[in-house]
Amino acid sequence: MSYFDFKRDIKKQTNLPKAKFLQRFFKTGRGSYAEGDKFLGLTVPQSRILAKKHSALNFHEIKKLLESKFHEERLIGLIILVEKFKKEPQRVYNFYIANTKFVNNWDLVDLSADKIVGEYLLHRSKNILNKLAKSKNIWNRRIAIVSTYQFIRNHQFDKTIEIARLLLNDKHDLIHKAVGWMLREVGKRDEKVLIKFLDKYKSRMPRTSLRYAIERFPEKRRLRYLA
């Protein structure tokens, strides 16, 4: 199927009332993190079905999806890339890194970063994550920390801890949440690693990061860290 077949199929599923809701949910107003983003009103399951149906789209066509002003088209392009990664990991990784400016909302990062960047770097140099963590672009910074989820699943915690340190002074709530989330995932596998980080940095951590990180702690311990 061609790109034009895809455009025909996605147009059939446009839902304007749902699109208006999504534009509010994803903070697309002036000055918000997703200012100007446009929606068609598809659900994630609908997007996944379309991605599966059009999984044969080539990289040129996927680039068109990533460049789209419509959020769901970028989402579908990334879902297709995650699937293509299984057969062409290096090409997909390079393509993704070259196009991170289009991975420009938290859900787009969260469904793709660990599955492409994290998986590719699992047994390779991870220095690019430090560069992304120091970027002025919020989504690059979120890619840096969320990519480490793949390392965490494989009981590699050092890079998560390193990136979390680099992002301690970040000003954005969406980074605070992502850092806390990844630290919590570390704690699920090795609580000692998490406690060591918290004991050293709890006074410097944004409150949101701390709350996310200690979410699974018993109440008394949680309150002690929040005190």
Protein backbone atom coordinates (compact mmCIF):
# COMPACT_ATOMS: atom_id res chain seq x y z
CA MET A 1 0.00 0.00 0.00
CA SER A 2 1.15 3.51 -0.78
CA TYR A 3 1.29 6.73 1.21
CA PHE A 4 -1.84 7.87 -0.65
CA ASP A 5 -3.68 4.73 0.46
CA PHE A 6 -2.69 5.57 4.03
CA LYS A 7 -3.97 9.14 3.71
CA ARG A 8 -7.28 7.83 2.41
CA ASP A 9 -7.61 5.37 5.29
CA ILE A 10 -6.75 7.84 8.04
CA LYS A 11 -9.12 10.46 6.65
CA LYS A 12 -11.99 7.97 7.05
CA GLN A 13 -11.33 7.77 10.79
CA THR A 14 -11.13 11.49 11.52
CA ASN A 15 -13.20 12.40 14.59
CA LEU A 16 -13.44 16.15 15.12
CA PRO A 17 -15.02 16.11 18.63
CA LYS A 18 -12.29 13.69 19.78
CA ALA A 19 -9.65 15.85 18.10
CA LYS A 20 -10.78 18.90 20.10
CA PHE A 21 -10.55 16.90 23.32
CA LEU A 22 -7.05 15.66 22.46
CA GLN A 23 -5.87 19.18 21.68
CA ARG A 24 -6.87 20.19 25.21
CA PHE A 25 -5.45 17.02 26.79
CA PHE A 26 -2.06 17.45 25.12
CA LYS A 27 -1.74 21.15 26.02
CA THR A 28 -1.67 22.61 22.51
CA GLY A 29 -2.55 26.17 23.52
CA ARG A 30 -0.26 29.15 23.23
CA GLY A 31 2.75 28.88 25.52
CA SER A 32 2.09 25.21 26.34
CA TYR A 33 4.50 22.36 25.68
CA ALA A 34 2.63 21.18 22.56
CA GLU A 35 1.67 24.58 21.21
CA GLY A 36 0.13 24.33 17.76
CA ASP A 37 -0.06 20.55 17.55
CA LYS A 38 -3.01 19.32 15.46
CA PHE A 39 -5.11 16.19 15.96
CA LEU A 40 -7.40 14.06 13.81
CA GLY A 41 -9.17 12.38 16.73
CA LEU A 42 -7.91 8.80 16.40
CA THR A 43 -7.45 6.57 19.42
CA VAL A 44 -4.13 4.78 19.98
CA PRO A 45 -5.68 1.37 19.08
CA GLN A 46 -6.94 2.85 15.81
CA SER A 47 -3.47 4.24 15.14
CA ARG A 48 -1.87 0.86 15.80
CA ILE A 49 -4.26 -0.87 13.41
CA LEU A 50 -3.39 1.62 10.68
CA ALA A 51 0.32 1.23 11.40
CA LYS A 52 0.04 -2.54 11.02
CA LYS A 53 -1.95 -2.22 7.79
CA HIS A 54 0.59 0.22 6.31
CA SER A 55 3.75 -1.27 7.81
CA ALA A 56 5.30 -1.60 4.34
CA LEU A 57 5.63 2.18 3.91
CA ASN A 58 9.22 3.04 2.98
CA PHE A 59 11.49 5.46 4.83
CA HIS A 60 10.67 8.32 2.47
CA GLU A 61 6.98 7.84 3.18
CA ILE A 62 7.58 7.49 6.92
CA LYS A 63 9.49 10.77 6.82
CA LYS A 64 6.33 12.38 5.40
CA LEU A 65 4.37 11.01 8.36
CA LEU A 66 6.91 12.34 10.85
CA GLU A 67 6.80 15.76 9.20
CA SER A 68 3.00 15.84 9.39
CA LYS A 69 1.26 18.60 11.36
CA PHE A 70 -1.10 15.91 12.65
CA HIS A 71 -0.07 14.18 15.84
CA GLU A 72 -1.59 10.81 14.93
CA GLU A 73 0.35 10.62 11.66
CA ARG A 74 3.62 11.14 13.54
CA LEU A 75 2.50 8.53 16.06
CA ILE A 76 1.78 6.01 13.32
CA GLY A 77 5.10 6.71 11.65
CA LEU A 78 6.89 5.94 14.91
CA ILE A 79 4.90 2.74 15.48
CA ILE A 80 5.94 1.58 12.02
CA LEU A 81 9.58 2.44 12.82
CA VAL A 82 9.47 0.40 16.03
CA GLU A 83 8.33 -2.59 13.98
CA LYS A 84 10.93 -2.00 11.24
CA PHE A 85 13.64 -1.82 13.91
CA LYS A 86 13.36 -5.60 14.39
CA LYS A 87 14.73 -6.17 10.88
CA GLU A 88 16.79 -3.02 10.22
CA PRO A 89 18.02 -1.81 13.63
CA GLN A 90 20.94 0.35 12.51
CA ARG A 91 19.02 2.05 9.70
CA VAL A 92 16.01 2.74 11.92
CA TYR A 93 18.20 4.02 14.76
CA ASN A 94 20.09 6.40 12.46
CA PHE A 95 16.82 7.57 10.90
CA TYR A 96 15.28 8.17 14.32
CA ILE A 97 18.26 10.15 15.64
CA ALA A 98 18.24 12.26 12.48
CA ASN A 99 14.56 13.06 12.99
CA THR A 100 14.14 13.55 16.74
CA LYS A 101 12.72 17.04 16.13
CA PHE A 102 9.53 15.31 14.96
CA VAL A 103 9.33 13.13 18.11
CA ASN A 104 7.83 16.12 19.80
CA ASN A 105 5.39 15.10 22.48
CA TRP A 106 5.64 12.92 25.58
CA ASP A 107 3.57 10.04 24.18
CA LEU A 108 5.65 9.97 20.98
CA VAL A 109 8.84 9.75 23.03
CA ASP A 110 7.47 7.16 25.41
CA LEU A 111 6.29 4.71 22.75
CA SER A 112 9.53 4.80 20.76
CA ALA A 113 12.67 5.94 22.61
CA ASP A 114 13.44 2.82 24.65
CA LYS A 115 12.34 0.49 21.84
CA ILE A 116 14.65 2.10 19.27
CA VAL A 117 17.37 4.18 20.92
CA GLY A 118 17.55 2.16 24.13
CA GLU A 119 17.50 -1.20 22.38
CA TYR A 120 20.13 -0.14 19.83
CA LEU A 121 22.50 1.25 22.47
CA LEU A 122 22.03 -1.61 24.91
CA HIS A 123 25.44 -3.13 24.12
CA ARG A 124 27.01 -0.05 22.53
CA SER A 125 28.41 3.30 23.65
CA LYS A 126 25.67 5.35 25.24
CA ASN A 127 27.39 8.75 25.09
CA ILE A 128 24.80 10.20 22.73
CA LEU A 129 22.31 10.13 25.61
CA ASN A 130 24.43 12.62 27.54
CA LYS A 131 24.34 14.93 24.53
CA LEU A 132 20.57 14.58 24.29
CA ALA A 133 20.19 15.18 28.04
CA LYS A 134 22.02 18.51 27.67
CA SER A 135 19.88 19.62 24.73
CA LYS A 136 17.75 22.76 24.93
CA ASN A 137 14.94 20.72 23.38
CA ILE A 138 12.68 19.19 26.03
CA TRP A 139 11.86 16.16 23.88
CA ASN A 140 15.52 15.32 23.32
CA ARG A 141 15.99 15.41 27.08
CA ARG A 142 13.00 13.14 27.58
CA ILE A 143 14.35 10.76 24.90
CA ALA A 144 17.63 10.62 26.86
CA ILE A 145 16.05 9.45 30.11
CA VAL A 146 13.25 7.29 28.67
CA SER A 147 15.71 5.44 26.40
CA THR A 148 17.34 4.07 29.55
CA TYR A 149 14.19 2.05 30.29
CA GLN A 150 15.61 -0.64 28.01
CA PHE A 151 18.82 -0.71 30.07
CA ILE A 152 16.81 -0.95 33.29
CA ARG A 153 14.92 -3.96 31.95
CA ASN A 154 18.32 -5.58 31.41
CA HIS A 155 19.52 -4.64 34.92
CA GLN A 156 21.88 -1.93 33.69
CA PHE A 157 21.29 1.05 35.98
CA ASP A 158 24.41 3.21 35.66
CA LYS A 159 23.27 5.26 32.65
CA THR A 160 19.84 5.93 34.16
CA ILE A 161 21.51 7.24 37.31
CA GLU A 162 23.93 9.33 35.26
CA ILE A 163 21.20 10.90 33.12
CA ALA A 164 19.03 11.49 36.19
CA ARG A 165 21.91 13.45 37.73
CA LEU A 166 22.30 15.52 34.57
CA LEU A 167 18.60 16.40 34.69
CA LEU A 168 18.40 17.26 38.39
CA ASN A 169 18.13 20.98 37.67
CA ASP A 170 15.77 20.69 34.70
CA LYS A 171 12.90 23.16 34.90
CA HIS A 172 10.21 21.21 33.04
CA ASP A 173 7.59 19.10 34.81
CA LEU A 174 7.54 16.53 31.98
CA ILE A 175 11.23 15.87 32.59
CA HIS A 176 10.68 15.67 36.36
CA LYS A 177 8.00 13.02 35.78
CA ALA A 178 10.15 11.00 33.36
CA VAL A 179 13.17 11.03 35.70
CA GLY A 180 11.04 9.95 38.66
CA TRP A 181 9.43 7.23 36.56
CA MET A 182 12.79 5.78 35.49
CA LEU A 183 14.16 5.93 39.03
CA ARG A 184 11.09 4.08 40.26
CA GLU A 185 11.71 1.40 37.61
CA VAL A 186 15.30 1.07 38.86
CA GLY A 187 13.96 0.65 42.39
CA LYS A 188 11.68 -2.19 41.29
CA ARG A 189 14.77 -4.16 40.24
CA ASP A 190 17.29 -2.97 42.83
CA GLU A 191 15.99 -0.85 45.67
CA LYS A 192 19.48 -0.30 47.06
CA VAL A 193 20.52 1.59 43.90
CA LEU A 194 17.47 3.84 44.17
CA ILE A 195 17.96 4.49 47.89
CA LYS A 196 21.62 5.38 47.35
CA PHE A 197 20.59 7.97 44.73
CA LEU A 198 17.78 9.37 46.88
CA ASP A 199 19.91 9.68 49.99
CA LYS A 200 22.45 11.71 48.04
CA TYR A 201 20.18 13.89 45.94
CA LYS A 202 16.73 14.05 47.61
CA SER A 203 17.26 17.65 48.73
CA ARG A 204 18.08 18.70 45.14
CA MET A 205 15.45 16.67 43.34
CA PRO A 206 12.32 18.37 42.00
CA ARG A 207 9.37 17.40 44.19
CA THR A 208 7.60 15.68 41.30
CA SER A 209 10.63 13.48 40.53
CA LEU A 210 10.91 12.51 44.18
CA ARG A 211 7.23 11.64 44.48
CA TYR A 212 7.33 9.46 41.36
CA ALA A 213 10.54 7.73 42.47
CA ILE A 214 9.25 6.75 45.93
CA GLU A 215 5.72 5.85 44.84
CA ARG A 216 6.15 2.17 45.73
CA PHE A 217 7.78 2.75 49.12
CA PRO A 218 5.91 1.92 52.34
CA GLU A 219 4.10 4.99 53.69
CA LYS A 220 6.47 5.65 56.61
CA ARG A 221 9.55 5.61 54.38
CA ARG A 222 7.80 7.70 51.75
CA LEU A 223 6.88 10.34 54.32
CA ARG A 224 10.44 10.39 55.63
CA TYR A 225 11.78 11.24 52.17
CA LEU A 226 9.11 13.89 51.67
CA ALA A 227 9.76 15.53 55.06
